[in-house]
C-alpha atoms as a PDB file:
ATOM      1  CA  UNK A   1      33.715  -7.472  -5.105  1.00  0.00           C
ATOM      2  CA  UNK A   2      34.596 -10.867  -6.588  1.00  0.00           C
ATOM      3  CA  UNK A   3      32.608 -10.411  -9.792  1.00  0.00           C
ATOM      4  CA  UNK A   4      33.747 -13.744 -11.185  1.00  0.00           C
ATOM      5  CA  UNK A   5      33.178 -15.647  -7.963  1.00  0.00           C
ATOM      6  CA  UNK A   6      29.583 -14.437  -7.758  1.00  0.00           C
ATOM      7  CA  UNK A   7      28.390 -16.112 -10.938  1.00  0.00           C
ATOM      8  CA  UNK A   8      31.210 -17.855 -12.830  1.00  0.00           C
ATOM      9  CA  UNK A   9      30.510 -21.021 -10.860  1.00  0.00           C
ATOM     10  CA  UNK A  10      26.836 -21.001 -11.887  1.00  0.00           C
ATOM     11  CA  UNK A  11      27.668 -20.548 -15.582  1.00  0.00           C
ATOM     12  CA  UNK A  12      30.316 -23.261 -15.477  1.00  0.00           C
ATOM     13  CA  UNK A  13      28.003 -25.547 -13.575  1.00  0.00           C
ATOM     14  CA  UNK A  14      25.328 -25.232 -16.249  1.00  0.00           C
ATOM     15  CA  UNK A  15      27.837 -25.855 -19.038  1.00  0.00           C
ATOM     16  CA  UNK A  16      29.433 -28.852 -17.350  1.00  0.00           C
ATOM     17  CA  UNK A  17      26.256 -30.590 -16.315  1.00  0.00           C
ATOM     18  CA  UNK A  18      24.680 -30.216 -19.725  1.00  0.00           C
ATOM     19  CA  UNK A  19      27.739 -31.504 -21.512  1.00  0.00           C
ATOM     20  CA  UNK A  20      27.951 -34.722 -19.559  1.00  0.00           C
ATOM     21  CA  UNK A  21      24.945 -35.532 -17.377  1.00  0.00           C
ATOM     22  CA  UNK A  22      22.838 -37.347 -19.927  1.00  0.00           C
ATOM     23  CA  UNK A  23      23.591 -38.894 -23.322  1.00  0.00           C
ATOM     24  CA  UNK A  24      21.005 -36.800 -25.139  1.00  0.00           C
ATOM     25  CA  UNK A  25      22.273 -33.588 -23.588  1.00  0.00           C
ATOM     26  CA  UNK A  26      25.905 -34.480 -24.247  1.00  0.00           C
ATOM     27  CA  UNK A  27      25.141 -35.222 -27.906  1.00  0.00           C
ATOM     28  CA  UNK A  28      22.604 -32.491 -28.704  1.00  0.00           C
ATOM     29  CA  UNK A  29      23.306 -29.486 -26.448  1.00  0.00           C
ATOM     30  CA  UNK A  30      26.357 -27.245 -26.339  1.00  0.00           C
ATOM     31  CA  UNK A  31      26.822 -24.414 -23.845  1.00  0.00           C
ATOM     32  CA  UNK A  32      29.656 -21.899 -23.542  1.00  0.00           C
ATOM     33  CA  UNK A  33      29.679 -19.192 -20.840  1.00  0.00           C
ATOM     34  CA  UNK A  34      30.215 -15.777 -22.488  1.00  0.00           C
ATOM     35  CA  UNK A  35      29.703 -12.912 -20.068  1.00  0.00           C
ATOM     36  CA  UNK A  36      28.783 -11.999 -16.520  1.00  0.00           C
ATOM     37  CA  UNK A  37      27.324  -8.626 -15.573  1.00  0.00           C
ATOM     38  CA  UNK A  38      26.795  -8.037 -11.868  1.00  0.00           C
ATOM     39  CA  UNK A  39      24.446  -5.558 -10.217  1.00  0.00           C
ATOM     40  CA  UNK A  40      26.260  -4.895  -6.962  1.00  0.00           C
ATOM     41  CA  UNK A  41      25.638  -7.755  -4.582  1.00  0.00           C
ATOM     42  CA  UNK A  42      21.945  -8.108  -5.473  1.00  0.00           C
ATOM     43  CA  UNK A  43      22.017  -9.864  -8.823  1.00  0.00           C
ATOM     44  CA  UNK A  44      23.732 -10.683 -12.058  1.00  0.00           C
ATOM     45  CA  UNK A  45      23.054 -11.608 -15.659  1.00  0.00           C
ATOM     46  CA  UNK A  46      24.926 -14.591 -17.031  1.00  0.00           C
ATOM     47  CA  UNK A  47      25.090 -14.810 -20.810  1.00  0.00           C
ATOM     48  CA  UNK A  48      25.587 -18.279 -22.276  1.00  0.00           C
ATOM     49  CA  UNK A  49      25.934 -19.268 -25.911  1.00  0.00           C
ATOM     50  CA  UNK A  50      23.570 -22.236 -26.303  1.00  0.00           C
ATOM     51  CA  UNK A  51      23.254 -24.606 -29.261  1.00  0.00           C
ATOM     52  CA  UNK A  52      20.220 -26.885 -28.889  1.00  0.00           C
ATOM     53  CA  UNK A  53      20.623 -29.143 -31.924  1.00  0.00           C
ATOM     54  CA  UNK A  54      18.089 -31.673 -30.643  1.00  0.00           C
ATOM     55  CA  UNK A  55      14.429 -32.018 -31.428  1.00  0.00           C
ATOM     56  CA  UNK A  56      13.241 -31.145 -27.914  1.00  0.00           C
ATOM     57  CA  UNK A  57      13.066 -27.774 -26.149  1.00  0.00           C
ATOM     58  CA  UNK A  58      15.359 -27.291 -23.169  1.00  0.00           C
ATOM     59  CA  UNK A  59      14.239 -25.442 -20.029  1.00  0.00           C
ATOM     60  CA  UNK A  60      16.355 -24.344 -17.095  1.00  0.00           C
ATOM     61  CA  UNK A  61      13.654 -24.451 -14.448  1.00  0.00           C
ATOM     62  CA  UNK A  62      15.753 -23.876 -11.346  1.00  0.00           C
ATOM     63  CA  UNK A  63      19.404 -23.481 -10.433  1.00  0.00           C
ATOM     64  CA  UNK A  64      21.160 -22.623  -7.199  1.00  0.00           C
ATOM     65  CA  UNK A  65      24.761 -22.532  -6.120  1.00  0.00           C
ATOM     66  CA  UNK A  66      26.129 -21.844  -2.660  1.00  0.00           C
ATOM     67  CA  UNK A  67      29.680 -21.188  -1.483  1.00  0.00           C
ATOM     68  CA  UNK A  68      30.429 -21.952   2.165  1.00  0.00           C
ATOM     69  CA  UNK A  69      33.444 -21.390   4.365  1.00  0.00           C
ATOM     70  CA  UNK A  70      33.783 -23.472   7.541  1.00  0.00           C
ATOM     71  CA  UNK A  71      30.171 -24.605   7.084  1.00  0.00           C
ATOM     72  CA  UNK A  72      28.750 -21.074   6.966  1.00  0.00           C
ATOM     73  CA  UNK A  73      27.209 -19.833   3.722  1.00  0.00           C
ATOM     74  CA  UNK A  74      29.136 -16.912   2.226  1.00  0.00           C
ATOM     75  CA  UNK A  75      27.359 -16.563  -1.120  1.00  0.00           C
ATOM     76  CA  UNK A  76      24.223 -17.958  -2.781  1.00  0.00           C
ATOM     77  CA  UNK A  77      23.268 -17.498  -6.418  1.00  0.00           C
ATOM     78  CA  UNK A  78      19.838 -18.594  -7.695  1.00  0.00           C
ATOM     79  CA  UNK A  79      18.195 -18.474 -11.096  1.00  0.00           C
ATOM     80  CA  UNK A  80      15.338 -15.953 -10.997  1.00  0.00           C
ATOM     81  CA  UNK A  81      13.218 -17.092 -13.934  1.00  0.00           C
ATOM     82  CA  UNK A  82      12.752 -20.168 -16.084  1.00  0.00           C
ATOM     83  CA  UNK A  83      14.840 -19.968 -19.247  1.00  0.00           C
ATOM     84  CA  UNK A  84      13.675 -21.862 -22.349  1.00  0.00           C
ATOM     85  CA  UNK A  85      15.760 -22.723 -25.414  1.00  0.00           C
ATOM     86  CA  UNK A  86      13.752 -23.910 -28.428  1.00  0.00           C
ATOM     87  CA  UNK A  87      14.715 -27.064 -30.284  1.00  0.00           C
ATOM     88  CA  UNK A  88      17.063 -26.491 -33.208  1.00  0.00           C
ATOM     89  CA  UNK A  89      18.023 -23.012 -31.948  1.00  0.00           C
ATOM     90  CA  UNK A  90      21.479 -21.537 -31.421  1.00  0.00           C
ATOM     91  CA  UNK A  91      22.330 -18.174 -29.911  1.00  0.00           C
ATOM     92  CA  UNK A  92      22.989 -16.224 -26.743  1.00  0.00           C
ATOM     93  CA  UNK A  93      20.772 -16.744 -23.709  1.00  0.00           C
ATOM     94  CA  UNK A  94      20.687 -14.416 -20.718  1.00  0.00           C
ATOM     95  CA  UNK A  95      20.049 -15.963 -17.329  1.00  0.00           C
ATOM     96  CA  UNK A  96      19.098 -13.514 -14.589  1.00  0.00           C
ATOM     97  CA  UNK A  97      20.334 -14.548 -11.148  1.00  0.00           C
ATOM     98  CA  UNK A  98      19.644 -13.334  -7.640  1.00  0.00           C
ATOM     99  CA  UNK A  99      22.614 -13.076  -5.288  1.00  0.00           C
ATOM    100  CA  UNK A 100      22.605 -13.295  -1.525  1.00  0.00           C
ATOM    101  CA  UNK A 101      25.645 -12.363   0.544  1.00  0.00           C
ATOM    102  CA  UNK A 102      24.744 -12.899   4.221  1.00  0.00           C
ATOM    103  CA  UNK A 103      28.053 -11.559   5.553  1.00  0.00           C
ATOM    104  CA  UNK A 104      30.210  -9.215   3.457  1.00  0.00           C
ATOM    105  CA  UNK A 105      33.118  -9.542   5.888  1.00  0.00           C
ATOM    106  CA  UNK A 106      33.101 -13.326   5.401  1.00  0.00           C
ATOM    107  CA  UNK A 107      33.068 -12.820   1.625  1.00  0.00           C
ATOM    108  CA  UNK A 108      36.086 -10.535   1.942  1.00  0.00           C
ATOM    109  CA  UNK A 109      37.848 -13.197   4.057  1.00  0.00           C
ATOM    110  CA  UNK A 110      37.116 -15.786   1.359  1.00  0.00           C
ATOM    111  CA  UNK A 111      38.607 -13.464  -1.257  1.00  0.00           C
ATOM    112  CA  UNK A 112      41.805 -13.218   0.805  1.00  0.00           C
ATOM    113  CA  UNK A 113      41.925 -17.025   1.159  1.00  0.00           C
ATOM    114  CA  UNK A 114      41.466 -17.458  -2.596  1.00  0.00           C
ATOM    115  CA  UNK A 115      44.340 -15.051  -3.268  1.00  0.00           C
ATOM    116  CA  UNK A 116      46.522 -17.418  -1.239  1.00  0.00           C
ATOM    117  CA  UNK A 117      44.942 -20.535  -2.860  1.00  0.00           C
ATOM    118  CA  UNK A 118      43.700 -21.715   0.553  1.00  0.00           C
ATOM    119  CA  UNK A 119      40.492 -23.552  -0.310  1.00  0.00           C
ATOM    120  CA  UNK A 120      40.646 -26.366   2.259  1.00  0.00           C
ATOM    121  CA  UNK A 121      37.658 -25.143   4.305  1.00  0.00           C
ATOM    122  CA  UNK A 122      35.531 -24.016   1.338  1.00  0.00           C
ATOM    123  CA  UNK A 123      32.698 -26.059  -0.143  1.00  0.00           C
ATOM    124  CA  UNK A 124      30.237 -25.648  -2.984  1.00  0.00           C
ATOM    125  CA  UNK A 125      26.676 -26.975  -3.057  1.00  0.00           C
ATOM    126  CA  UNK A 126      24.561 -26.841  -6.186  1.00  0.00           C
ATOM    127  CA  UNK A 127      21.228 -27.960  -7.595  1.00  0.00           C
ATOM    128  CA  UNK A 128      19.993 -27.726 -11.163  1.00  0.00           C
ATOM    129  CA  UNK A 129      16.607 -28.729 -12.539  1.00  0.00           C
ATOM    130  CA  UNK A 130      16.258 -29.055 -16.316  1.00  0.00           C
ATOM    131  CA  UNK A 131      13.422 -30.143 -18.520  1.00  0.00           C
ATOM    132  CA  UNK A 132      14.163 -31.688 -21.901  1.00  0.00           C
ATOM    133  CA  UNK A 133      10.858 -32.175 -23.666  1.00  0.00           C
ATOM    134  CA  UNK A 134       8.742 -33.966 -21.047  1.00  0.00           C
ATOM    135  CA  UNK A 135      11.666 -35.427 -19.076  1.00  0.00           C
ATOM    136  CA  UNK A 136      12.947 -33.701 -15.928  1.00  0.00           C
ATOM    137  CA  UNK A 137      16.602 -34.016 -14.937  1.00  0.00           C
ATOM    138  CA  UNK A 138      17.795 -32.987 -11.480  1.00  0.00           C
ATOM    139  CA  UNK A 139      21.487 -32.608 -10.815  1.00  0.00           C
ATOM    140  CA  UNK A 140      23.043 -31.592  -7.551  1.00  0.00           C
ATOM    141  CA  UNK A 141      25.792 -32.011  -5.038  1.00  0.00           C
ATOM    142  CA  UNK A 142      26.087 -30.979  -1.396  1.00  0.00           C
ATOM    143  CA  UNK A 143      29.279 -29.763   0.244  1.00  0.00           C
ATOM    144  CA  UNK A 144      31.654 -30.562  -2.606  1.00  0.00           C
ATOM    145  CA  UNK A 145      35.178 -29.288  -1.820  1.00  0.00           C
ATOM    146  CA  UNK A 146      35.803 -26.103  -3.809  1.00  0.00           C
ATOM    147  CA  UNK A 147      39.127 -27.498  -5.049  1.00  0.00           C
ATOM    148  CA  UNK A 148      37.336 -30.536  -6.567  1.00  0.00           C
ATOM    149  CA  UNK A 149      34.702 -28.294  -8.139  1.00  0.00           C
ATOM    150  CA  UNK A 150      37.383 -26.093  -9.723  1.00  0.00           C
ATOM    151  CA  UNK A 151      39.408 -29.099 -10.913  1.00  0.00           C
ATOM    152  CA  UNK A 152      36.346 -30.246 -12.850  1.00  0.00           C
ATOM    153  CA  UNK A 153      36.771 -27.157 -15.037  1.00  0.00           C
ATOM    154  CA  UNK A 154      40.566 -26.966 -15.023  1.00  0.00           C
ATOM    155  CA  UNK A 155      40.495 -23.815 -12.887  1.00  0.00           C
ATOM    156  CA  UNK A 156      42.629 -22.576 -10.007  1.00  0.00           C
ATOM    157  CA  UNK A 157      41.386 -20.462  -7.072  1.00  0.00           C
ATOM    158  CA  UNK A 158      43.053 -17.323  -8.482  1.00  0.00           C
ATOM    159  CA  UNK A 159      41.027 -17.734 -11.700  1.00  0.00           C
ATOM    160  CA  UNK A 160      37.929 -16.806  -9.664  1.00  0.00           C
ATOM    161  CA  UNK A 161      39.535 -13.489  -8.771  1.00  0.00           C
ATOM    162  CA  UNK A 162      40.046 -12.402 -12.378  1.00  0.00           C
ATOM    163  CA  UNK A 163      38.021  -9.279 -13.147  1.00  0.00           C
ATOM    164  CA  UNK A 164      37.311  -8.695  -9.479  1.00  0.00           C
ATOM    165  CA  UNK A 165      35.878  -5.306  -8.690  1.00  0.00           C
END
């Protein structure tokens, strides 16, 4: 249920933060989300095409994204393992994520709200920890309105429902 909603946000988050959070990253790293394969409600693999043109390795050390409705968490996605991209390398990278759905009925209610583009009471929280060479970069936001998060990527609520199971 909601295949895209489960992980699309995490893939887009990684791509957006790397393309604009730091001058080096914006200049030397390119990321394009390619595919999402879910394993029920337990996990998913996100495939990203990564081009690390810089002279420093890039490591995704931790990432988490949470979707909440009326303050209650509906979905949490977390990166399971550290993912390293060597300097000067370009290719596809698979990121394995763990999913947690505390209340399937609430997730179903969120799906219905998204179908009607009613995102007023939905928020997204995220945290990302990257290492570029020896430098650590932490990026995060708490309780960002879902509509603002989607606008960052030029998406609408119904775009999250594409390819739903």
